[in-house]
Structure formats: C-alpha cells, structure tokens
Amino acid sequence: MIPRANHPDRSSQTPGGPSAPRGPGGTGQARLRDPRNRLNLLLSCATWRQNTAFDQMPPLLAPLGIQTIKTSSGEEAAEVIQSVIVHIAVVDLSVPLQRPTPNPDPSAGNRIFAEAGPRILQLLRRLEAPPPTVVVRPPQPATRESARTLAEALREGAFAVLDQPVHLEAMLEVLRRILRRHYSDIWPA
C-alpha cells in the first residue's frame, strides 16, 4: 500500500469524507472509502464519448485496486485534488474550467469554456508530494505548436505526454512505467 506519509499536508483527511466529490462517473463516498482501493487515479477528461480509453480504464483497473476518479472540469479536478490523495493523474489539457450547465449564465462568458488543463497541472505540481502526471493534449496543428505544448507540459512536471485520440494500450503502458519508476513496480492487488 502507498503510505500516506507522502502527503503530510493531507494526512488527517479521510478520502470520501463528508464533502467527497462525485464525478461524472458517480464515484461517491462509499467507493472512495473502499479499503480494497490502494491507489487513486485522477482521470480528468474533456470528452466522455463512448468506448474511449478513458471509459475503458475504470472497469479494467478497479479489480487491481485502483480507484479511478473521473472529472470533467477544472473545478471538479480541484475539489478532488484538495479532498483525496491522488497517486497518479491523467490530465486532458482541453478540459473546461467549469462544467457546462443546461441553462448557462450569459454573464459567465467564455470562462466556462476556458481550458483548465494547465491550471490542474499547476495545482498538482504545488502539492507537497506531486503525483506523476500523464498529459493528454489535443491534436497539434503544427510541429512548432507540438514542440511548445510538449515543453510546457514537461516544465509543469508531466511524466508523459500523449496525443488525442488516446489508445488504451498506450495509456496502460504509461501507467505501467509510472508504477515501475515511482512505486517500485508494485501494482496494488
């Protein structure tokens, strides 16, 4: 099991406490407290299309003791980062700052659609024990733009950078590499 001592600033908090976030996947309090879950994976993604790698990962990882906490906005990700120890993070750079509502407030303007991925990376990097992070970026229109976003992601502490569309095998391989390097190749069982 991954020791809580790696996160002394949050050691007194209990994952899934009274204000535990409920992501779009309906994680809820009971599941966050599940003692079988030894590793928390923050999965922050802008698109929740059917049959993507992001949809396939939670059912594949759950039997291995990995709790996948899905978020679809920067606000949700910030709540999770503050209330749950995150051991590994997957951050889509194009995730919106706020979750779109059925009746949008016209005064909100473009704030809802602003990309929060870089802000999430900064929040994770500022933790006392930042988790290894996988950055998922949208398709890059030019080589120069690709090099710039890669450099920015690495500067923010990314372990790996993947381009959309993400293939499940590539994501699982990156997670395996993270476990090998950061957690002594111990896959929770």
N, C-alpha and C. Protein backbone atom coordinates (compact mmCIF):
# COMPACT_ATOMS: atom_id res chain seq x y z
N MET A 1 0.85 -1.17 0.00
CA MET A 1 0.00 0.00 0.00
C MET A 1 0.89 1.23 0.00
N ILE A 2 0.44 2.29 -0.65
CA ILE A 2 1.20 3.52 -0.74
C ILE A 2 0.98 4.30 0.55
N PRO A 3 2.08 4.64 1.26
CA PRO A 3 1.92 5.27 2.56
C PRO A 3 1.37 6.68 2.44
N ARG A 4 0.56 7.07 3.43
CA ARG A 4 0.02 8.42 3.48
C ARG A 4 1.11 9.41 3.85
N ALA A 5 2.21 8.97 4.38
CA ALA A 5 3.28 9.87 4.78
C ALA A 5 3.80 10.69 3.61
N ASN A 6 3.56 10.24 2.40
CA ASN A 6 3.98 11.01 1.24
C ASN A 6 3.17 12.29 1.09
N HIS A 7 2.07 12.40 1.82
CA HIS A 7 1.19 13.56 1.72
C HIS A 7 0.89 14.10 3.12
N PRO A 8 1.91 14.61 3.83
CA PRO A 8 1.67 15.03 5.21
C PRO A 8 0.69 16.19 5.32
N ASP A 9 0.57 17.01 4.29
CA ASP A 9 -0.34 18.13 4.37
C ASP A 9 -1.80 17.68 4.34
N ARG A 10 -2.07 16.46 3.92
CA ARG A 10 -3.43 15.96 3.85
C ARG A 10 -3.59 14.66 4.63
N SER A 11 -2.65 14.34 5.52
CA SER A 11 -2.68 13.04 6.19
C SER A 11 -3.86 12.88 7.13
N SER A 12 -4.41 13.98 7.64
CA SER A 12 -5.53 13.86 8.55
C SER A 12 -6.87 13.73 7.84
N GLN A 13 -6.88 13.91 6.53
CA GLN A 13 -8.12 13.82 5.78
C GLN A 13 -8.43 12.38 5.44
N THR A 14 -9.69 12.08 5.42
CA THR A 14 -10.14 10.75 5.03
C THR A 14 -10.72 10.83 3.64
N PRO A 15 -10.19 10.04 2.68
CA PRO A 15 -10.80 10.05 1.35
C PRO A 15 -12.28 9.70 1.46
N GLY A 16 -13.09 10.48 0.78
CA GLY A 16 -14.52 10.20 0.78
C GLY A 16 -15.22 10.76 1.99
N GLY A 17 -14.64 11.78 2.63
CA GLY A 17 -15.27 12.42 3.77
C GLY A 17 -16.59 13.06 3.38
N PRO A 18 -17.16 13.85 4.28
CA PRO A 18 -18.47 14.41 4.03
C PRO A 18 -18.56 15.23 2.75
N SER A 19 -17.46 15.84 2.35
CA SER A 19 -17.51 16.66 1.13
C SER A 19 -16.85 15.96 -0.05
N ALA A 20 -16.84 14.64 -0.04
CA ALA A 20 -16.19 13.90 -1.13
C ALA A 20 -16.86 14.23 -2.45
N PRO A 21 -16.04 14.51 -3.47
CA PRO A 21 -16.62 14.87 -4.76
C PRO A 21 -17.27 13.68 -5.44
N ARG A 22 -18.28 13.97 -6.20
CA ARG A 22 -18.94 12.97 -7.02
C ARG A 22 -18.70 13.35 -8.46
N GLY A 23 -17.84 12.62 -9.11
CA GLY A 23 -17.54 12.91 -10.51
C GLY A 23 -18.64 12.41 -11.41
N PRO A 24 -18.49 12.65 -12.72
CA PRO A 24 -19.50 12.20 -13.66
C PRO A 24 -19.71 10.70 -13.63
N GLY A 25 -18.70 9.95 -13.18
CA GLY A 25 -18.83 8.52 -13.13
C GLY A 25 -19.57 8.03 -11.90
N GLY A 26 -20.02 8.99 -11.03
CA GLY A 26 -20.78 8.61 -9.85
C GLY A 26 -19.93 7.91 -8.82
N THR A 27 -18.68 8.37 -8.61
CA THR A 27 -17.78 7.71 -7.69
C THR A 27 -18.35 7.67 -6.28
N GLY A 28 -18.75 8.81 -5.73
CA GLY A 28 -19.44 8.86 -4.45
C GLY A 28 -18.59 8.49 -3.27
N GLN A 29 -19.13 8.69 -2.09
CA GLN A 29 -18.38 8.50 -0.86
C GLN A 29 -18.04 7.05 -0.58
N ALA A 30 -18.99 6.16 -0.73
CA ALA A 30 -18.75 4.76 -0.36
C ALA A 30 -17.59 4.18 -1.15
N ARG A 31 -17.51 4.49 -2.41
CA ARG A 31 -16.47 3.91 -3.24
C ARG A 31 -15.10 4.48 -2.91
N LEU A 32 -15.02 5.77 -2.56
CA LEU A 32 -13.74 6.37 -2.21
C LEU A 32 -13.20 5.80 -0.90
N ARG A 33 -14.07 5.32 -0.03
CA ARG A 33 -13.62 4.74 1.24
C ARG A 33 -13.29 3.27 1.12
N ASP A 34 -13.53 2.67 0.00
CA ASP A 34 -13.34 1.24 -0.18
C ASP A 34 -11.89 0.86 0.14
N PRO A 35 -11.65 0.03 1.17
CA PRO A 35 -10.28 -0.32 1.56
C PRO A 35 -9.55 -1.14 0.51
N ARG A 36 -10.28 -1.73 -0.44
CA ARG A 36 -9.61 -2.50 -1.48
C ARG A 36 -8.88 -1.60 -2.48
N ASN A 37 -9.26 -0.31 -2.51
CA ASN A 37 -8.62 0.63 -3.42
C ASN A 37 -7.36 1.17 -2.77
N ARG A 38 -6.23 0.82 -3.34
CA ARG A 38 -4.95 1.21 -2.77
C ARG A 38 -4.29 2.35 -3.52
N LEU A 39 -4.80 2.69 -4.65
CA LEU A 39 -4.18 3.73 -5.46
C LEU A 39 -5.29 4.55 -6.12
N ASN A 40 -5.21 5.87 -5.99
CA ASN A 40 -6.20 6.76 -6.59
C ASN A 40 -5.65 7.35 -7.87
N LEU A 41 -6.42 7.21 -8.94
CA LEU A 41 -6.05 7.73 -10.26
C LEU A 41 -7.04 8.83 -10.63
N LEU A 42 -6.55 10.07 -10.72
CA LEU A 42 -7.39 11.17 -11.18
C LEU A 42 -7.41 11.12 -12.70
N LEU A 43 -8.61 11.05 -13.26
CA LEU A 43 -8.79 10.96 -14.71
C LEU A 43 -9.61 12.17 -15.13
N SER A 44 -8.92 13.23 -15.54
CA SER A 44 -9.57 14.47 -15.91
C SER A 44 -9.62 14.54 -17.43
N CYS A 45 -10.84 14.48 -17.98
CA CYS A 45 -11.00 14.38 -19.42
C CYS A 45 -12.11 15.29 -19.91
N ALA A 46 -11.87 15.93 -21.05
CA ALA A 46 -12.84 16.87 -21.60
C ALA A 46 -13.96 16.17 -22.35
N THR A 47 -13.69 15.04 -22.94
CA THR A 47 -14.72 14.37 -23.73
C THR A 47 -15.05 13.02 -23.10
N TRP A 48 -16.32 12.71 -23.03
CA TRP A 48 -16.75 11.43 -22.49
C TRP A 48 -17.54 10.67 -23.55
N ARG A 49 -16.91 10.53 -24.70
CA ARG A 49 -17.54 9.74 -25.76
C ARG A 49 -17.50 8.27 -25.38
N GLN A 50 -18.41 7.52 -25.93
CA GLN A 50 -18.48 6.09 -25.64
C GLN A 50 -17.26 5.36 -26.21
N ASN A 51 -16.83 4.34 -25.48
CA ASN A 51 -15.77 3.43 -25.91
C ASN A 51 -14.42 4.10 -26.13
N THR A 52 -14.11 5.13 -25.37
CA THR A 52 -12.78 5.71 -25.44
C THR A 52 -11.91 5.01 -24.40
N ALA A 53 -10.61 5.25 -24.47
CA ALA A 53 -9.71 4.68 -23.47
C ALA A 53 -10.09 5.14 -22.07
N PHE A 54 -10.60 6.37 -21.97
CA PHE A 54 -10.99 6.91 -20.67
C PHE A 54 -12.18 6.16 -20.09
N ASP A 55 -13.08 5.68 -20.92
CA ASP A 55 -14.22 4.89 -20.44
C ASP A 55 -13.82 3.46 -20.12
N GLN A 56 -12.84 2.94 -20.83
CA GLN A 56 -12.44 1.54 -20.66
C GLN A 56 -11.53 1.34 -19.45
N MET A 57 -10.81 2.37 -19.04
CA MET A 57 -9.84 2.21 -17.95
C MET A 57 -10.46 1.86 -16.59
N PRO A 58 -11.50 2.57 -16.12
CA PRO A 58 -12.01 2.27 -14.77
C PRO A 58 -12.39 0.81 -14.56
N PRO A 59 -13.17 0.16 -15.46
CA PRO A 59 -13.50 -1.24 -15.19
C PRO A 59 -12.29 -2.18 -15.28
N LEU A 60 -11.29 -1.80 -16.06
CA LEU A 60 -10.09 -2.63 -16.14
C LEU A 60 -9.21 -2.50 -14.90
N LEU A 61 -9.15 -1.30 -14.33
CA LEU A 61 -8.25 -1.04 -13.21
C LEU A 61 -8.87 -1.34 -11.85
N ALA A 62 -10.19 -1.28 -11.75
CA ALA A 62 -10.86 -1.50 -10.45
C ALA A 62 -10.52 -2.84 -9.81
N PRO A 63 -10.50 -3.96 -10.54
CA PRO A 63 -10.16 -5.23 -9.89
C PRO A 63 -8.72 -5.28 -9.36
N LEU A 64 -7.88 -4.37 -9.84
CA LEU A 64 -6.49 -4.32 -9.38
C LEU A 64 -6.33 -3.40 -8.17
N GLY A 65 -7.42 -2.83 -7.68
CA GLY A 65 -7.35 -1.96 -6.51
C GLY A 65 -7.11 -0.51 -6.85
N ILE A 66 -7.31 -0.13 -8.09
CA ILE A 66 -7.09 1.25 -8.49
C ILE A 66 -8.44 1.96 -8.60
N GLN A 67 -8.60 2.99 -7.79
CA GLN A 67 -9.81 3.81 -7.79
C GLN A 67 -9.65 4.91 -8.83
N THR A 68 -10.47 4.89 -9.86
CA THR A 68 -10.43 5.92 -10.89
C THR A 68 -11.46 6.98 -10.55
N ILE A 69 -11.00 8.20 -10.40
CA ILE A 69 -11.88 9.32 -10.07
C ILE A 69 -11.95 10.21 -11.31
N LYS A 70 -13.11 10.17 -11.99
CA LYS A 70 -13.29 10.95 -13.21
C LYS A 70 -13.74 12.36 -12.89
N THR A 71 -13.17 13.31 -13.61
CA THR A 71 -13.64 14.69 -13.53
C THR A 71 -13.76 15.22 -14.95
N SER A 72 -14.71 16.15 -15.14
CA SER A 72 -14.91 16.69 -16.47
C SER A 72 -14.73 18.20 -16.53
N SER A 73 -14.22 18.78 -15.45
CA SER A 73 -13.95 20.22 -15.44
C SER A 73 -12.79 20.51 -14.49
N GLY A 74 -12.24 21.70 -14.64
CA GLY A 74 -11.16 22.12 -13.76
C GLY A 74 -11.63 22.27 -12.33
N GLU A 75 -12.85 22.75 -12.14
CA GLU A 75 -13.39 22.90 -10.79
C GLU A 75 -13.51 21.55 -10.09
N GLU A 76 -14.03 20.55 -10.79
CA GLU A 76 -14.16 19.21 -10.19
C GLU A 76 -12.78 18.65 -9.85
N ALA A 77 -11.81 18.81 -10.75
CA ALA A 77 -10.46 18.30 -10.50
C ALA A 77 -9.85 18.97 -9.28
N ALA A 78 -10.06 20.28 -9.13
CA ALA A 78 -9.51 20.99 -7.96
C ALA A 78 -10.12 20.46 -6.67
N GLU A 79 -11.41 20.17 -6.68
CA GLU A 79 -12.07 19.60 -5.49
C GLU A 79 -11.47 18.25 -5.14
N VAL A 80 -11.26 17.42 -6.14
CA VAL A 80 -10.68 16.09 -5.90
C VAL A 80 -9.26 16.22 -5.35
N ILE A 81 -8.47 17.09 -5.94
CA ILE A 81 -7.07 17.27 -5.51
C ILE A 81 -7.02 17.72 -4.06
N GLN A 82 -7.98 18.53 -3.63
CA GLN A 82 -8.00 19.02 -2.25
C GLN A 82 -8.54 18.01 -1.25
N SER A 83 -9.36 17.05 -1.71
CA SER A 83 -10.02 16.16 -0.76
C SER A 83 -9.55 14.71 -0.79
N VAL A 84 -8.83 14.32 -1.83
CA VAL A 84 -8.40 12.93 -1.97
C VAL A 84 -6.92 12.90 -2.31
N ILE A 85 -6.21 11.95 -1.75
CA ILE A 85 -4.80 11.78 -2.12
C ILE A 85 -4.77 11.21 -3.54
N VAL A 86 -4.12 11.92 -4.43
CA VAL A 86 -4.01 11.48 -5.82
C VAL A 86 -2.62 10.88 -6.01
N HIS A 87 -2.58 9.60 -6.41
CA HIS A 87 -1.31 8.92 -6.60
C HIS A 87 -0.80 9.06 -8.03
N ILE A 88 -1.72 9.07 -9.00
CA ILE A 88 -1.38 9.26 -10.41
C ILE A 88 -2.48 10.13 -11.01
N ALA A 89 -2.09 11.06 -11.88
CA ALA A 89 -3.08 11.94 -12.51
C ALA A 89 -2.95 11.86 -14.02
N VAL A 90 -4.10 11.83 -14.69
CA VAL A 90 -4.17 11.93 -16.14
C VAL A 90 -4.96 13.20 -16.41
N VAL A 91 -4.32 14.17 -17.07
CA VAL A 91 -4.92 15.48 -17.27
C VAL A 91 -5.03 15.78 -18.76
N ASP A 92 -6.26 15.98 -19.22
CA ASP A 92 -6.53 16.40 -20.58
C ASP A 92 -6.38 17.92 -20.60
N LEU A 93 -5.50 18.44 -21.45
CA LEU A 93 -5.26 19.88 -21.49
C LEU A 93 -6.50 20.67 -21.93
N SER A 94 -7.42 20.04 -22.63
CA SER A 94 -8.58 20.76 -23.13
C SER A 94 -9.80 20.65 -22.23
N VAL A 95 -9.63 20.18 -21.00
CA VAL A 95 -10.76 20.10 -20.08
C VAL A 95 -11.22 21.52 -19.76
N PRO A 96 -12.55 21.77 -19.74
CA PRO A 96 -13.03 23.13 -19.47
C PRO A 96 -12.86 23.51 -18.01
N LEU A 97 -12.81 24.81 -17.75
CA LEU A 97 -12.67 25.30 -16.39
C LEU A 97 -13.89 24.97 -15.55
N GLN A 98 -15.07 25.20 -16.12
CA GLN A 98 -16.31 24.91 -15.42
C GLN A 98 -17.10 23.88 -16.20
N ARG A 99 -17.90 23.14 -15.49
CA ARG A 99 -18.76 22.16 -16.13
C ARG A 99 -19.94 22.88 -16.79
N PRO A 100 -20.19 22.63 -18.06
CA PRO A 100 -21.32 23.28 -18.72
C PRO A 100 -22.64 22.91 -18.04
N THR A 101 -23.52 23.89 -17.94
CA THR A 101 -24.82 23.67 -17.31
C THR A 101 -25.90 23.69 -18.38
N PRO A 102 -27.05 23.07 -18.11
CA PRO A 102 -28.12 23.07 -19.10
C PRO A 102 -28.63 24.47 -19.42
N ASN A 103 -28.65 25.35 -18.43
CA ASN A 103 -29.09 26.74 -18.62
C ASN A 103 -27.93 27.67 -18.30
N PRO A 104 -27.02 27.88 -19.27
CA PRO A 104 -25.82 28.66 -18.98
C PRO A 104 -26.13 30.11 -18.62
N ASP A 105 -25.32 30.64 -17.73
CA ASP A 105 -25.42 32.03 -17.31
C ASP A 105 -24.72 32.89 -18.35
N PRO A 106 -25.44 33.82 -19.02
CA PRO A 106 -24.81 34.63 -20.05
C PRO A 106 -23.68 35.50 -19.53
N SER A 107 -23.69 35.82 -18.23
CA SER A 107 -22.63 36.66 -17.68
C SER A 107 -21.32 35.89 -17.52
N ALA A 108 -21.38 34.56 -17.59
CA ALA A 108 -20.16 33.74 -17.44
C ALA A 108 -19.24 33.89 -18.63
N GLY A 109 -19.78 34.25 -19.78
CA GLY A 109 -18.96 34.46 -20.96
C GLY A 109 -18.16 33.24 -21.34
N ASN A 110 -16.93 33.45 -21.73
CA ASN A 110 -16.05 32.36 -22.17
C ASN A 110 -15.36 31.66 -21.01
N ARG A 111 -15.61 32.09 -19.78
CA ARG A 111 -14.95 31.49 -18.62
C ARG A 111 -15.24 29.99 -18.54
N ILE A 112 -16.46 29.60 -18.91
CA ILE A 112 -16.83 28.19 -18.84
C ILE A 112 -15.99 27.35 -19.79
N PHE A 113 -15.68 27.90 -20.95
CA PHE A 113 -15.00 27.12 -21.98
C PHE A 113 -13.48 27.29 -21.96
N ALA A 114 -12.96 28.10 -21.04
CA ALA A 114 -11.52 28.25 -20.93
C ALA A 114 -10.90 26.90 -20.58
N GLU A 115 -9.74 26.63 -21.11
CA GLU A 115 -9.08 25.34 -20.85
C GLU A 115 -8.40 25.37 -19.49
N ALA A 116 -8.72 24.38 -18.68
CA ALA A 116 -8.21 24.32 -17.31
C ALA A 116 -7.05 23.35 -17.15
N GLY A 117 -6.70 22.60 -18.20
CA GLY A 117 -5.63 21.61 -18.08
C GLY A 117 -4.35 22.17 -17.48
N PRO A 118 -3.82 23.29 -18.00
CA PRO A 118 -2.60 23.85 -17.40
C PRO A 118 -2.76 24.23 -15.94
N ARG A 119 -3.94 24.69 -15.54
CA ARG A 119 -4.18 25.04 -14.13
C ARG A 119 -4.18 23.80 -13.25
N ILE A 120 -4.75 22.71 -13.76
CA ILE A 120 -4.75 21.46 -13.00
C ILE A 120 -3.31 20.98 -12.80
N LEU A 121 -2.50 21.08 -13.85
CA LEU A 121 -1.09 20.69 -13.73
C LEU A 121 -0.39 21.51 -12.66
N GLN A 122 -0.66 22.81 -12.60
CA GLN A 122 -0.04 23.66 -11.59
C GLN A 122 -0.49 23.26 -10.18
N LEU A 123 -1.79 22.97 -10.01
CA LEU A 123 -2.27 22.52 -8.71
C LEU A 123 -1.57 21.24 -8.26
N LEU A 124 -1.43 20.30 -9.17
CA LEU A 124 -0.77 19.04 -8.84
C LEU A 124 0.70 19.26 -8.51
N ARG A 125 1.35 20.11 -9.26
CA ARG A 125 2.78 20.36 -9.05
C ARG A 125 3.04 21.04 -7.71
N ARG A 126 2.08 21.81 -7.22
CA ARG A 126 2.26 22.54 -5.97
C ARG A 126 2.02 21.69 -4.72
N LEU A 127 1.53 20.47 -4.91
CA LEU A 127 1.34 19.59 -3.76
C LEU A 127 2.69 19.26 -3.14
N GLU A 128 2.68 18.96 -1.87
CA GLU A 128 3.93 18.62 -1.18
C GLU A 128 4.59 17.40 -1.82
N ALA A 129 3.77 16.44 -2.21
CA ALA A 129 4.27 15.25 -2.92
C ALA A 129 3.48 15.14 -4.23
N PRO A 130 3.92 15.85 -5.28
CA PRO A 130 3.16 15.83 -6.54
C PRO A 130 3.13 14.43 -7.14
N PRO A 131 1.95 14.03 -7.63
CA PRO A 131 1.85 12.70 -8.24
C PRO A 131 2.42 12.72 -9.65
N PRO A 132 2.88 11.57 -10.14
CA PRO A 132 3.27 11.51 -11.55
C PRO A 132 2.04 11.80 -12.41
N THR A 133 2.24 12.57 -13.47
CA THR A 133 1.13 13.06 -14.27
C THR A 133 1.31 12.71 -15.73
N VAL A 134 0.22 12.25 -16.34
CA VAL A 134 0.18 11.99 -17.78
C VAL A 134 -0.66 13.11 -18.39
N VAL A 135 -0.09 13.82 -19.36
CA VAL A 135 -0.80 14.91 -20.03
C VAL A 135 -1.34 14.38 -21.35
N VAL A 136 -2.62 14.66 -21.60
CA VAL A 136 -3.25 14.31 -22.86
C VAL A 136 -3.55 15.62 -23.57
N ARG A 137 -3.01 15.78 -24.76
CA ARG A 137 -3.22 17.04 -25.46
C ARG A 137 -3.99 16.81 -26.75
N PRO A 138 -4.69 17.84 -27.21
CA PRO A 138 -5.44 17.70 -28.46
C PRO A 138 -4.48 17.58 -29.64
N PRO A 139 -4.97 17.14 -30.78
CA PRO A 139 -4.10 17.05 -31.96
C PRO A 139 -3.44 18.40 -32.24
N GLN A 140 -2.15 18.35 -32.53
CA GLN A 140 -1.38 19.57 -32.75
C GLN A 140 -1.35 19.93 -34.23
N PRO A 141 -1.68 21.19 -34.57
CA PRO A 141 -1.75 21.58 -35.98
C PRO A 141 -0.39 21.71 -36.66
N ALA A 142 0.65 21.99 -35.89
CA ALA A 142 1.97 22.22 -36.50
C ALA A 142 3.06 21.68 -35.58
N THR A 143 4.20 21.42 -36.17
CA THR A 143 5.35 20.91 -35.42
C THR A 143 5.78 21.88 -34.33
N ARG A 144 5.78 23.16 -34.64
CA ARG A 144 6.20 24.17 -33.66
C ARG A 144 5.24 24.17 -32.45
N GLU A 145 3.94 24.11 -32.72
CA GLU A 145 2.95 24.07 -31.64
C GLU A 145 3.12 22.79 -30.82
N SER A 146 3.39 21.69 -31.49
CA SER A 146 3.59 20.43 -30.81
C SER A 146 4.79 20.51 -29.86
N ALA A 147 5.89 21.07 -30.33
CA ALA A 147 7.09 21.21 -29.50
C ALA A 147 6.83 22.15 -28.32
N ARG A 148 6.07 23.21 -28.55
CA ARG A 148 5.78 24.18 -27.48
C ARG A 148 4.93 23.54 -26.39
N THR A 149 3.86 22.84 -26.77
CA THR A 149 3.00 22.23 -25.75
C THR A 149 3.71 21.10 -25.01
N LEU A 150 4.58 20.38 -25.72
CA LEU A 150 5.36 19.33 -25.06
C LEU A 150 6.29 19.94 -24.02
N ALA A 151 7.00 21.01 -24.39
CA ALA A 151 7.92 21.68 -23.46
C ALA A 151 7.17 22.22 -22.25
N GLU A 152 6.00 22.83 -22.47
CA GLU A 152 5.21 23.37 -21.36
C GLU A 152 4.75 22.25 -20.41
N ALA A 153 4.29 21.15 -20.97
CA ALA A 153 3.84 20.04 -20.14
C ALA A 153 4.98 19.46 -19.31
N LEU A 154 6.12 19.30 -19.91
CA LEU A 154 7.28 18.77 -19.18
C LEU A 154 7.75 19.75 -18.11
N ARG A 155 7.67 21.04 -18.40
CA ARG A 155 8.05 22.06 -17.43
C ARG A 155 7.10 22.02 -16.22
N GLU A 156 5.85 21.66 -16.45
CA GLU A 156 4.86 21.56 -15.37
C GLU A 156 4.96 20.21 -14.64
N GLY A 157 5.92 19.38 -15.00
CA GLY A 157 6.16 18.14 -14.27
C GLY A 157 5.52 16.90 -14.85
N ALA A 158 5.10 16.93 -16.09
CA ALA A 158 4.46 15.75 -16.69
C ALA A 158 5.45 14.60 -16.81
N PHE A 159 4.98 13.40 -16.49
CA PHE A 159 5.78 12.20 -16.67
C PHE A 159 5.77 11.78 -18.13
N ALA A 160 4.61 11.93 -18.78
CA ALA A 160 4.46 11.54 -20.19
C ALA A 160 3.41 12.44 -20.83
N VAL A 161 3.50 12.58 -22.16
CA VAL A 161 2.54 13.36 -22.92
C VAL A 161 2.00 12.47 -24.04
N LEU A 162 0.67 12.34 -24.09
CA LEU A 162 0.01 11.55 -25.13
C LEU A 162 -0.88 12.47 -25.95
N ASP A 163 -1.01 12.17 -27.24
CA ASP A 163 -1.88 12.95 -28.11
C ASP A 163 -3.23 12.27 -28.25
N GLN A 164 -4.28 13.10 -28.41
CA GLN A 164 -5.61 12.57 -28.72
C GLN A 164 -5.61 12.03 -30.13
N PRO A 165 -6.32 11.03 -30.48
CA PRO A 165 -7.06 10.15 -29.58
C PRO A 165 -6.12 9.20 -28.85
N VAL A 166 -6.39 8.99 -27.59
CA VAL A 166 -5.55 8.13 -26.75
C VAL A 166 -5.97 6.68 -26.94
N HIS A 167 -5.00 5.83 -27.18
CA HIS A 167 -5.27 4.40 -27.32
C HIS A 167 -5.06 3.74 -25.96
N LEU A 168 -5.94 2.83 -25.62
CA LEU A 168 -5.92 2.18 -24.32
C LEU A 168 -4.57 1.53 -24.02
N GLU A 169 -4.02 0.84 -25.01
CA GLU A 169 -2.74 0.15 -24.80
C GLU A 169 -1.62 1.14 -24.45
N ALA A 170 -1.61 2.29 -25.12
CA ALA A 170 -0.58 3.30 -24.84
C ALA A 170 -0.74 3.84 -23.42
N MET A 171 -1.97 4.10 -23.01
CA MET A 171 -2.21 4.61 -21.67
C MET A 171 -1.81 3.58 -20.61
N LEU A 172 -2.18 2.34 -20.81
CA LEU A 172 -1.82 1.30 -19.84
C LEU A 172 -0.30 1.13 -19.76
N GLU A 173 0.39 1.25 -20.87
CA GLU A 173 1.85 1.16 -20.86
C GLU A 173 2.47 2.31 -20.07
N VAL A 174 1.94 3.51 -20.23
CA VAL A 174 2.44 4.66 -19.47
C VAL A 174 2.18 4.45 -17.98
N LEU A 175 1.00 3.94 -17.63
CA LEU A 175 0.71 3.67 -16.22
C LEU A 175 1.66 2.62 -15.66
N ARG A 176 1.99 1.60 -16.45
CA ARG A 176 2.94 0.58 -16.02
C ARG A 176 4.31 1.21 -15.76
N ARG A 177 4.74 2.10 -16.65
CA ARG A 177 6.03 2.78 -16.47
C ARG A 177 6.04 3.66 -15.22
N ILE A 178 4.91 4.32 -14.95
CA ILE A 178 4.81 5.15 -13.75
C ILE A 178 4.95 4.28 -12.50
N LEU A 179 4.24 3.15 -12.48
CA LEU A 179 4.32 2.26 -11.32
C LEU A 179 5.73 1.74 -11.14
N ARG A 180 6.40 1.44 -12.22
CA ARG A 180 7.78 0.94 -12.13
C ARG A 180 8.70 2.01 -11.56
N ARG A 181 8.61 3.22 -12.07
CA ARG A 181 9.55 4.27 -11.66
C ARG A 181 9.21 4.88 -10.31
N HIS A 182 7.94 5.16 -10.05
CA HIS A 182 7.57 5.90 -8.85
C HIS A 182 7.12 5.02 -7.69
N TYR A 183 6.68 3.82 -7.95
CA TYR A 183 6.16 2.98 -6.88
C TYR A 183 6.84 1.61 -6.85
N SER A 184 8.10 1.55 -7.25
CA SER A 184 8.93 0.35 -7.16
C SER A 184 8.30 -0.86 -7.83
N ASP A 185 7.59 -0.64 -8.91
CA ASP A 185 7.00 -1.71 -9.71
C ASP A 185 6.00 -2.56 -8.93
N ILE A 186 5.38 -1.95 -7.91
CA ILE A 186 4.39 -2.66 -7.11
C ILE A 186 3.02 -2.25 -7.58
N TRP A 187 2.34 -3.18 -8.24
CA TRP A 187 0.98 -2.93 -8.69
C TRP A 187 0.06 -3.39 -7.58
N PRO A 188 -0.77 -2.50 -7.07
CA PRO A 188 -1.62 -2.89 -5.94
C PRO A 188 -2.53 -4.05 -6.29
N ALA A 189 -2.68 -4.95 -5.36
CA ALA A 189 -3.53 -6.12 -5.59
C ALA A 189 -4.63 -6.21 -4.56
